[in-house]
Amino acid sequence: MKEAELQRSVIEMARLFGWRIAHFRTAQSKKGHWITPVGADGKGFPDLCLVRERIVFIELKVNYRGLSYEQEVWRDKIKAAGGEWHLLTDKGWENGKAEEILQHPHTSVRSVTLGDDAL
């Protein structure tokens, strides 16, 4: 399985479960290199950002050999801010991890309801 196939499969499943999805596509530079054009601190940003009743960031990897330094920084910052970050590999896809992530809300994610007096 190639990463593009994993990505398409995850996006298709996410849509079936009602998620709104953002993905930033790669482009080929004039020199023939594949890059994802991003600005500011975007290098290493997770492959998918999904929103439904919660926000989920997913880093996709095929033949997983580790995260880049920038990907580790994004993972750590997202988690420190209370966000939900997942690494999904081709093996994880095969054993149902994607469905586990996307089908049900995680109970570890807190929701806060403010009363009218808090507005």
C-alpha atoms as a PDB file:
ATOM      1  CA  MET A   1       0.000   0.000   0.000  1.00  0.00           C
ATOM      2  CA  LYS A   2       1.258   3.497  -0.835  1.00  0.00           C
ATOM      3  CA  GLU A   3       0.638   6.496   1.406  1.00  0.00           C
ATOM      4  CA  ALA A   4      -1.659   8.043  -1.226  1.00  0.00           C
ATOM      5  CA  GLU A   5      -3.813   4.889  -1.124  1.00  0.00           C
ATOM      6  CA  LEU A   6      -3.933   4.968   2.671  1.00  0.00           C
ATOM      7  CA  GLN A   7      -4.900   8.634   2.555  1.00  0.00           C
ATOM      8  CA  ARG A   8      -7.702   8.045   0.038  1.00  0.00           C
ATOM      9  CA  SER A   9      -9.035   5.163   2.126  1.00  0.00           C
ATOM     10  CA  VAL A  10      -9.019   7.190   5.354  1.00  0.00           C
ATOM     11  CA  ILE A  11     -10.695  10.174   3.669  1.00  0.00           C
ATOM     12  CA  GLU A  12     -13.381   7.920   2.174  1.00  0.00           C
ATOM     13  CA  MET A  13     -14.077   6.318   5.564  1.00  0.00           C
ATOM     14  CA  ALA A  14     -14.088   9.697   7.315  1.00  0.00           C
ATOM     15  CA  ARG A  15     -16.670  11.040   4.877  1.00  0.00           C
ATOM     16  CA  LEU A  16     -18.885   8.002   5.514  1.00  0.00           C
ATOM     17  CA  PHE A  17     -18.770   8.855   9.223  1.00  0.00           C
ATOM     18  CA  GLY A  18     -19.635  12.531   8.610  1.00  0.00           C
ATOM     19  CA  TRP A  19     -16.251  14.205   9.096  1.00  0.00           C
ATOM     20  CA  ARG A  20     -15.129  17.477   7.503  1.00  0.00           C
ATOM     21  CA  ILE A  21     -11.547  16.968   6.252  1.00  0.00           C
ATOM     22  CA  ALA A  22      -8.593  19.166   5.329  1.00  0.00           C
ATOM     23  CA  HIS A  23      -5.526  17.888   3.509  1.00  0.00           C
ATOM     24  CA  PHE A  24      -2.778  19.971   1.919  1.00  0.00           C
ATOM     25  CA  ARG A  25      -1.579  18.394  -1.307  1.00  0.00           C
ATOM     26  CA  THR A  26       1.966  18.126  -2.522  1.00  0.00           C
ATOM     27  CA  ALA A  27       3.161  19.811  -5.690  1.00  0.00           C
ATOM     28  CA  GLN A  28       6.158  19.299  -7.903  1.00  0.00           C
ATOM     29  CA  SER A  29       8.673  22.147  -7.899  1.00  0.00           C
ATOM     30  CA  LYS A  30      10.409  23.414 -11.037  1.00  0.00           C
ATOM     31  CA  LYS A  31      13.429  21.356  -9.986  1.00  0.00           C
ATOM     32  CA  GLY A  32      11.298  18.187  -9.892  1.00  0.00           C
ATOM     33  CA  HIS A  33      11.126  17.852  -6.108  1.00  0.00           C
ATOM     34  CA  TRP A  34       7.826  17.024  -4.394  1.00  0.00           C
ATOM     35  CA  ILE A  35       6.949  19.573  -1.721  1.00  0.00           C
ATOM     36  CA  THR A  36       3.931  20.680   0.284  1.00  0.00           C
ATOM     37  CA  PRO A  37       3.791  24.461  -0.024  1.00  0.00           C
ATOM     38  CA  VAL A  38       3.183  25.817   3.485  1.00  0.00           C
ATOM     39  CA  GLY A  39       4.073  28.981   5.310  1.00  0.00           C
ATOM     40  CA  ALA A  40       5.016  29.970   8.839  1.00  0.00           C
ATOM     41  CA  ASP A  41       5.469  26.831  10.971  1.00  0.00           C
ATOM     42  CA  GLY A  42       3.592  24.494   8.617  1.00  0.00           C
ATOM     43  CA  LYS A  43       6.440  22.070   7.956  1.00  0.00           C
ATOM     44  CA  GLY A  44       5.561  18.722   9.543  1.00  0.00           C
ATOM     45  CA  PHE A  45       1.847  19.553  10.007  1.00  0.00           C
ATOM     46  CA  PRO A  46      -0.248  16.351  10.168  1.00  0.00           C
ATOM     47  CA  ASP A  47      -1.513  14.905   6.888  1.00  0.00           C
ATOM     48  CA  LEU A  48      -5.182  15.163   7.813  1.00  0.00           C
ATOM     49  CA  CYS A  49      -7.206  17.499   9.976  1.00  0.00           C
ATOM     50  CA  LEU A  50     -10.754  16.265  10.630  1.00  0.00           C
ATOM     51  CA  VAL A  51     -13.662  17.974  12.390  1.00  0.00           C
ATOM     52  CA  ARG A  52     -16.982  16.590  13.606  1.00  0.00           C
ATOM     53  CA  GLU A  53     -17.857  16.751  17.333  1.00  0.00           C
ATOM     54  CA  ARG A  54     -14.128  17.033  17.975  1.00  0.00           C
ATOM     55  CA  ILE A  55     -11.006  17.911  16.034  1.00  0.00           C
ATOM     56  CA  VAL A  56      -8.612  15.124  15.097  1.00  0.00           C
ATOM     57  CA  PHE A  57      -5.172  15.320  13.518  1.00  0.00           C
ATOM     58  CA  ILE A  58      -3.833  12.231  11.752  1.00  0.00           C
ATOM     59  CA  GLU A  59      -0.301  11.601  10.538  1.00  0.00           C
ATOM     60  CA  LEU A  60      -0.226   8.863   7.888  1.00  0.00           C
ATOM     61  CA  LYS A  61       2.749   6.539   7.407  1.00  0.00           C
ATOM     62  CA  VAL A  62       3.380   3.499   5.230  1.00  0.00           C
ATOM     63  CA  ASN A  63       6.353   1.283   6.119  1.00  0.00           C
ATOM     64  CA  TYR A  64       6.701   3.400   9.262  1.00  0.00           C
ATOM     65  CA  ARG A  65      10.254   4.324  10.209  1.00  0.00           C
ATOM     66  CA  GLY A  66       9.617   7.262  12.513  1.00  0.00           C
ATOM     67  CA  LEU A  67       8.464  10.860  12.526  1.00  0.00           C
ATOM     68  CA  SER A  68      10.531  13.818  11.405  1.00  0.00           C
ATOM     69  CA  TYR A  69      11.568  16.350  14.048  1.00  0.00           C
ATOM     70  CA  GLU A  70       8.920  18.788  12.752  1.00  0.00           C
ATOM     71  CA  GLN A  71       6.211  16.117  12.928  1.00  0.00           C
ATOM     72  CA  GLU A  72       7.191  15.353  16.526  1.00  0.00           C
ATOM     73  CA  VAL A  73       6.940  19.048  17.407  1.00  0.00           C
ATOM     74  CA  TRP A  74       3.430  19.281  15.907  1.00  0.00           C
ATOM     75  CA  ARG A  75       2.374  16.090  17.705  1.00  0.00           C
ATOM     76  CA  ASP A  76       3.654  17.384  21.033  1.00  0.00           C
ATOM     77  CA  LYS A  77       2.104  20.855  20.623  1.00  0.00           C
ATOM     78  CA  ILE A  78      -1.279  19.446  19.566  1.00  0.00           C
ATOM     79  CA  LYS A  79      -1.368  17.054  22.514  1.00  0.00           C
ATOM     80  CA  ALA A  80      -0.177  19.738  24.965  1.00  0.00           C
ATOM     81  CA  ALA A  81      -3.058  21.943  23.782  1.00  0.00           C
ATOM     82  CA  GLY A  82      -5.529  19.130  24.505  1.00  0.00           C
ATOM     83  CA  GLY A  83      -5.887  18.109  20.863  1.00  0.00           C
ATOM     84  CA  GLU A  84      -6.303  14.606  19.549  1.00  0.00           C
ATOM     85  CA  TRP A  85      -3.366  13.400  17.431  1.00  0.00           C
ATOM     86  CA  HIS A  86      -2.981   9.943  15.912  1.00  0.00           C
ATOM     87  CA  LEU A  87      -0.344   8.103  13.918  1.00  0.00           C
ATOM     88  CA  LEU A  88      -2.065   5.815  11.425  1.00  0.00           C
ATOM     89  CA  THR A  89       0.082   3.316   9.554  1.00  0.00           C
ATOM     90  CA  ASP A  90      -0.785   0.847   6.836  1.00  0.00           C
ATOM     91  CA  LYS A  91      -0.716  -1.851   9.528  1.00  0.00           C
ATOM     92  CA  GLY A  92      -3.078   0.246  11.670  1.00  0.00           C
ATOM     93  CA  TRP A  93      -5.448   0.522   8.711  1.00  0.00           C
ATOM     94  CA  GLU A  94      -5.406  -3.251   8.312  1.00  0.00           C
ATOM     95  CA  ASN A  95      -6.181  -3.892  11.997  1.00  0.00           C
ATOM     96  CA  GLY A  96      -9.090  -1.412  12.195  1.00  0.00           C
ATOM     97  CA  LYS A  97      -7.450   1.544  13.965  1.00  0.00           C
ATOM     98  CA  ALA A  98      -8.881   4.070  11.468  1.00  0.00           C
ATOM     99  CA  GLU A  99     -12.423   2.905  12.115  1.00  0.00           C
ATOM    100  CA  GLU A 100     -11.800   3.012  15.866  1.00  0.00           C
ATOM    101  CA  ILE A 101     -10.591   6.629  15.616  1.00  0.00           C
ATOM    102  CA  LEU A 102     -13.313   7.848  13.254  1.00  0.00           C
ATOM    103  CA  GLN A 103     -16.439   5.951  14.250  1.00  0.00           C
ATOM    104  CA  HIS A 104     -16.930   6.931  17.872  1.00  0.00           C
ATOM    105  CA  PRO A 105     -16.156   9.994  19.948  1.00  0.00           C
ATOM    106  CA  HIS A 106     -13.327   9.441  22.393  1.00  0.00           C
ATOM    107  CA  THR A 107     -14.380   9.738  26.000  1.00  0.00           C
ATOM    108  CA  SER A 108     -11.049  11.294  26.893  1.00  0.00           C
ATOM    109  CA  VAL A 109     -11.999  14.445  24.991  1.00  0.00           C
ATOM    110  CA  ARG A 110     -13.739  16.894  27.307  1.00  0.00           C
ATOM    111  CA  SER A 111     -16.583  19.125  26.225  1.00  0.00           C
ATOM    112  CA  VAL A 112     -17.468  22.251  28.142  1.00  0.00           C
ATOM    113  CA  THR A 113     -20.899  23.865  28.150  1.00  0.00           C
ATOM    114  CA  LEU A 114     -21.081  27.461  29.281  1.00  0.00           C
ATOM    115  CA  GLY A 115     -24.196  28.835  30.933  1.00  0.00           C
ATOM    116  CA  ASP A 116     -25.888  31.985  29.645  1.00  0.00           C
ATOM    117  CA  ASP A 117     -24.202  34.021  32.375  1.00  0.00           C
ATOM    118  CA  ALA A 118     -20.757  33.066  31.012  1.00  0.00           C
ATOM    119  CA  LEU A 119     -21.388  34.743  27.646  1.00  0.00           C
END
